[in-house]
Amino acid sequence: MSVSYNEKEKIFHLTNGRVSYVIGVLPNGQLSQLYYGKAVKEVSGFNRYREGAFCKAMAAFLSTDDPSFSLDTTRQEYPSFGETDLRDPAFELIFKDGSHISEFRMAGYEITKGKPSLPSLPASYTESDDEAETLSVTLKDALSGLSMTLLYTIFENEDIIARSVSFANEGKDGIRLTRAMSLCLDLPDSNYEMMQFSGAWARERMPYTRKLVPGFQGIGSMRGHSSSQQNPFVILKRPETTEDFG
């Protein structure tokens, strides 16, 4: 089990020998997802897997000097609003002047043993620090002073990566945080089904499966907590997946 950073190529690699998660630092200081799957030993050169935007119709570019770089076609780790990415953002802010635009850039990182707790929130945990390793990447919006920390924990004995995010206002003005998702995960293709478990008292967790299609799809409840009616999670699976395979 290890978390490492290739300083020359600006690539993070989380692996436990069975799965690997590879993160790249983009030219503008944001983070992109390069790979998630079966464990790999070497991540040198993985930046070539970043999808370019050549000949992408309607793609918006950060600069006319580089027609291969568009956030709209990049698998981002935690996308923001208004920086040429026209998809749904992972978080939303309202600044004092009413603006929603932010520009978070990587400011540092830390690799630690174990898994940090999430105060007042339900979360996974470890009995010993040797059971997991955590990568914390801090990004900062220079204009407002707001910083965010993305946390990635990989477990030694489980093929699981736990993710969360925290925000800290280090500026002088108040900021409204109206949305903050735990993660963003761009999928490599569209061949997935979405499975949820809804129900009622005495018939909890009834499986419902439907094809994942373009557009917003989700589940929700106004109850404020998990219940027999709705469980706050979904499974994305291949159509041929069974309880024993996939």
Protein backbone atom coordinates (compact mmCIF):
# COMPACT_ATOMS: atom_id res chain seq x y z
CA MET A 1 0.00 0.00 0.00
CA SER A 2 1.41 3.38 -0.95
CA VAL A 3 0.60 6.94 -1.92
CA SER A 4 3.29 8.67 -3.97
CA TYR A 5 3.88 11.83 -6.00
CA ASN A 6 5.98 12.07 -9.15
CA GLU A 7 7.33 15.61 -8.86
CA LYS A 8 8.69 15.72 -12.40
CA GLU A 9 5.47 14.66 -14.11
CA LYS A 10 3.12 16.01 -11.39
CA ILE A 11 1.27 12.74 -10.89
CA PHE A 12 -0.21 11.26 -7.69
CA HIS A 13 -0.58 7.47 -7.44
CA LEU A 14 -2.64 5.64 -4.81
CA THR A 15 -2.37 1.84 -4.82
CA ASN A 16 -2.66 -1.15 -2.52
CA GLY A 17 -1.40 -3.70 -5.04
CA ARG A 18 -4.89 -4.53 -6.29
CA VAL A 19 -6.30 -1.17 -7.42
CA SER A 20 -4.69 2.07 -8.54
CA TYR A 21 -5.99 5.64 -8.64
CA VAL A 22 -3.90 8.13 -10.63
CA ILE A 23 -4.33 11.91 -10.43
CA GLY A 24 -2.54 14.45 -12.61
CA VAL A 25 -1.95 18.16 -12.01
CA LEU A 26 -3.21 20.08 -15.04
CA PRO A 27 -1.26 22.95 -16.68
CA ASN A 28 -3.54 25.46 -14.91
CA GLY A 29 -2.99 23.91 -11.45
CA GLN A 30 -6.26 21.98 -11.20
CA LEU A 31 -6.47 18.21 -10.84
CA SER A 32 -7.56 15.60 -13.35
CA GLN A 33 -8.39 11.92 -13.06
CA LEU A 34 -6.05 9.90 -15.25
CA TYR A 35 -6.75 6.31 -14.25
CA TYR A 36 -8.83 4.20 -11.87
CA GLY A 37 -8.77 0.41 -12.08
CA LYS A 38 -6.56 -2.63 -11.75
CA ALA A 39 -3.26 -1.89 -10.00
CA VAL A 40 -0.39 -0.61 -12.12
CA LYS A 41 3.25 -0.50 -11.06
CA GLU A 42 4.47 2.47 -13.08
CA VAL A 43 2.60 5.72 -13.76
CA SER A 44 5.34 7.55 -15.63
CA GLY A 45 3.88 8.93 -18.85
CA PHE A 46 0.26 8.68 -17.67
CA ASN A 47 -0.38 12.30 -18.68
CA ARG A 48 -0.82 11.02 -22.22
CA TYR A 49 -4.16 9.58 -21.09
CA ARG A 50 -5.57 13.06 -20.49
CA GLU A 51 -8.23 13.50 -23.14
CA GLY A 52 -7.57 16.38 -25.49
CA ALA A 53 -10.13 18.64 -27.12
CA PHE A 54 -8.99 18.61 -30.73
CA CYS A 55 -11.98 18.73 -33.09
CA LYS A 56 -14.46 18.67 -30.18
CA ALA A 57 -17.53 20.53 -31.37
CA MET A 58 -18.67 23.35 -29.05
CA ALA A 59 -15.71 22.88 -26.68
CA ALA A 60 -14.66 26.00 -24.76
CA PHE A 61 -10.96 26.71 -24.26
CA LEU A 62 -9.03 28.47 -21.52
CA SER A 63 -6.62 29.88 -24.09
CA THR A 64 -6.47 30.10 -27.87
CA ASP A 65 -2.78 29.20 -27.60
CA ASP A 66 -3.60 25.58 -26.71
CA PRO A 67 -6.52 24.03 -28.66
CA SER A 68 -5.92 20.68 -26.97
CA PHE A 69 -6.81 21.83 -23.44
CA SER A 70 -10.42 22.34 -22.44
CA LEU A 71 -11.87 21.68 -19.01
CA ASP A 72 -15.12 20.79 -20.76
CA THR A 73 -13.54 17.58 -22.09
CA THR A 74 -11.22 16.83 -19.15
CA ARG A 75 -11.93 14.29 -16.43
CA GLN A 76 -11.57 16.56 -13.44
CA GLU A 77 -11.21 15.61 -9.80
CA TYR A 78 -13.35 18.44 -8.46
CA PRO A 79 -14.76 20.70 -11.19
CA SER A 80 -15.75 24.30 -10.54
CA PHE A 81 -18.25 26.66 -12.15
CA GLY A 82 -17.44 29.03 -14.99
CA GLU A 83 -13.96 28.02 -16.17
CA THR A 84 -14.89 26.71 -19.63
CA ASP A 85 -16.46 23.59 -18.09
CA LEU A 86 -20.16 23.65 -18.94
CA ARG A 87 -21.06 20.53 -16.98
CA ASP A 88 -22.52 20.40 -13.47
CA PRO A 89 -19.92 21.62 -10.91
CA ALA A 90 -19.00 19.66 -7.78
CA PHE A 91 -19.39 22.77 -5.61
CA GLU A 92 -21.07 26.16 -5.76
CA LEU A 93 -20.08 29.41 -4.07
CA ILE A 94 -21.57 32.89 -3.77
CA PHE A 95 -19.07 35.64 -2.97
CA LYS A 96 -19.80 39.00 -1.36
CA ASP A 97 -20.14 40.74 -4.74
CA GLY A 98 -22.56 38.07 -5.99
CA SER A 99 -20.02 36.32 -8.20
CA HIS A 100 -19.95 32.53 -8.51
CA ILE A 101 -16.60 32.28 -10.30
CA SER A 102 -13.58 30.78 -8.52
CA GLU A 103 -10.11 29.73 -9.63
CA PHE A 104 -8.72 27.01 -7.36
CA ARG A 105 -5.11 26.01 -7.96
CA MET A 106 -3.03 23.37 -6.20
CA ALA A 107 -1.19 24.89 -3.24
CA GLY A 108 0.29 21.78 -1.58
CA TYR A 109 -0.25 18.19 -0.51
CA GLU A 110 0.36 15.86 2.43
CA ILE A 111 0.57 12.07 2.70
CA THR A 112 -0.29 10.58 6.11
CA LYS A 113 -0.92 7.19 7.70
CA GLY A 114 -4.44 6.19 8.69
CA LYS A 115 -7.72 7.94 7.89
CA PRO A 116 -8.74 11.31 9.34
CA SER A 117 -12.09 11.47 11.09
CA LEU A 118 -14.87 13.67 9.72
CA PRO A 119 -16.27 15.53 12.76
CA SER A 120 -20.08 15.30 13.10
CA LEU A 121 -20.35 13.22 9.91
CA PRO A 122 -20.76 9.45 9.43
CA ALA A 123 -17.62 8.03 7.86
CA SER A 124 -15.44 4.96 7.51
CA TYR A 125 -12.53 4.59 9.93
CA THR A 126 -9.53 2.43 10.78
CA GLU A 127 -8.65 0.60 13.97
CA SER A 128 -4.95 1.24 13.29
CA ASP A 129 -3.07 3.78 11.20
CA ASP A 130 -1.36 0.91 9.40
CA GLU A 131 -4.65 -0.07 7.77
CA ALA A 132 -4.80 2.91 5.41
CA GLU A 133 -2.93 5.84 3.90
CA THR A 134 -4.38 9.26 3.07
CA LEU A 135 -3.53 11.87 0.45
CA SER A 136 -4.64 15.43 1.24
CA VAL A 137 -4.39 17.92 -1.63
CA THR A 138 -4.99 21.60 -0.88
CA LEU A 139 -6.17 24.00 -3.58
CA LYS A 140 -6.62 27.73 -3.08
CA ASP A 141 -8.55 30.54 -4.72
CA ALA A 142 -6.05 33.41 -4.55
CA LEU A 143 -8.60 36.21 -4.98
CA SER A 144 -10.95 35.22 -2.15
CA GLY A 145 -8.52 33.36 0.13
CA LEU A 146 -10.83 30.34 0.19
CA SER A 147 -9.08 26.98 0.28
CA MET A 148 -10.34 23.45 -0.24
CA THR A 149 -8.74 20.17 0.79
CA LEU A 150 -9.48 16.99 -1.15
CA LEU A 151 -8.90 13.81 0.86
CA TYR A 152 -8.29 10.37 -0.65
CA THR A 153 -7.88 7.35 1.64
CA ILE A 154 -6.81 3.97 0.28
CA PHE A 155 -7.21 0.91 2.51
CA GLU A 156 -4.66 -1.88 2.75
CA ASN A 157 -7.06 -4.82 2.76
CA GLU A 158 -10.03 -3.42 0.85
CA ASP A 159 -10.36 -2.35 -2.78
CA ILE A 160 -11.91 0.91 -1.66
CA ILE A 161 -10.91 4.56 -1.89
CA ALA A 162 -12.77 6.88 0.49
CA ARG A 163 -13.12 10.52 -0.55
CA SER A 164 -14.21 13.74 1.08
CA VAL A 165 -13.65 17.50 0.82
CA SER A 166 -13.41 20.38 3.30
CA PHE A 167 -13.41 24.15 2.81
CA ALA A 168 -11.72 26.86 4.88
CA ASN A 169 -12.30 30.60 4.45
CA GLU A 170 -8.95 32.31 5.03
CA GLY A 171 -10.09 35.59 3.48
CA LYS A 172 -11.73 38.69 4.99
CA ASP A 173 -15.19 38.47 3.44
CA GLY A 174 -18.00 36.02 4.07
CA ILE A 175 -18.68 33.36 1.44
CA ARG A 176 -21.80 31.25 0.98
CA LEU A 177 -21.13 27.61 0.19
CA THR A 178 -24.36 26.34 -1.37
CA ARG A 179 -23.13 22.99 -2.64
CA ALA A 180 -20.23 20.66 -1.83
CA MET A 181 -20.19 17.10 -3.16
CA SER A 182 -17.96 14.43 -1.61
CA LEU A 183 -16.49 13.62 -5.01
CA CYS A 184 -16.78 13.83 -8.77
CA LEU A 185 -16.15 10.71 -10.84
CA ASP A 186 -16.10 10.98 -14.62
CA LEU A 187 -16.83 7.61 -16.27
CA PRO A 188 -14.94 6.36 -19.34
CA ASP A 189 -18.09 5.44 -21.30
CA SER A 190 -21.88 5.27 -21.03
CA ASN A 191 -22.47 1.52 -20.73
CA TYR A 192 -23.68 1.52 -17.12
CA GLU A 193 -26.81 0.78 -15.17
CA MET A 194 -27.88 2.62 -12.04
CA MET A 195 -29.16 0.52 -9.15
CA GLN A 196 -30.88 1.91 -6.06
CA PHE A 197 -32.59 0.33 -3.04
CA SER A 198 -35.88 1.96 -2.11
CA GLY A 199 -38.87 0.60 -0.21
CA ALA A 200 -41.06 0.98 2.85
CA TRP A 201 -41.48 -0.47 6.32
CA ALA A 202 -41.17 -4.30 6.27
CA ARG A 203 -40.09 -4.27 2.61
CA GLU A 204 -36.88 -2.32 2.76
CA ARG A 205 -34.14 -2.22 0.16
CA MET A 206 -36.08 -3.31 -2.92
CA PRO A 207 -33.69 -3.22 -5.93
CA TYR A 208 -34.53 -0.91 -8.82
CA THR A 209 -32.30 -0.84 -11.90
CA ARG A 210 -32.37 1.48 -14.91
CA LYS A 211 -29.98 2.36 -17.69
CA LEU A 212 -27.73 5.33 -17.13
CA VAL A 213 -28.51 7.94 -19.82
CA PRO A 214 -27.43 11.55 -20.49
CA GLY A 215 -28.91 14.13 -18.12
CA PHE A 216 -29.46 14.36 -14.39
CA GLN A 217 -30.45 11.18 -12.57
CA GLY A 218 -30.55 10.76 -8.83
CA ILE A 219 -32.36 9.67 -5.72
CA GLY A 220 -33.40 11.79 -2.78
CA SER A 221 -35.44 12.11 0.37
CA MET A 222 -36.72 15.00 2.48
CA ARG A 223 -36.52 12.88 5.66
CA GLY A 224 -33.02 14.06 6.56
CA HIS A 225 -31.57 10.62 7.25
CA SER A 226 -31.44 7.11 5.86
CA SER A 227 -34.62 5.07 6.27
CA SER A 228 -36.57 2.09 5.00
CA GLN A 229 -37.86 4.32 2.21
CA GLN A 230 -34.54 5.47 0.80
CA ASN A 231 -30.87 4.58 1.21
CA PRO A 232 -28.41 7.38 0.38
CA PHE A 233 -26.29 5.56 -2.18
CA VAL A 234 -26.40 4.17 -5.71
CA ILE A 235 -24.53 1.40 -7.51
CA LEU A 236 -23.24 1.97 -11.03
CA LYS A 237 -22.68 -1.37 -12.73
CA ARG A 238 -22.21 -2.97 -16.11
CA PRO A 239 -25.41 -4.60 -17.48
CA GLU A 240 -23.89 -8.10 -17.23
CA THR A 241 -22.91 -7.67 -13.55
CA THR A 242 -24.23 -10.29 -11.10
CA GLU A 243 -23.71 -10.96 -7.40
CA ASP A 244 -20.67 -13.07 -8.29
CA PHE A 245 -19.13 -11.25 -11.26
CA GLY A 246 -18.63 -7.72 -12.54
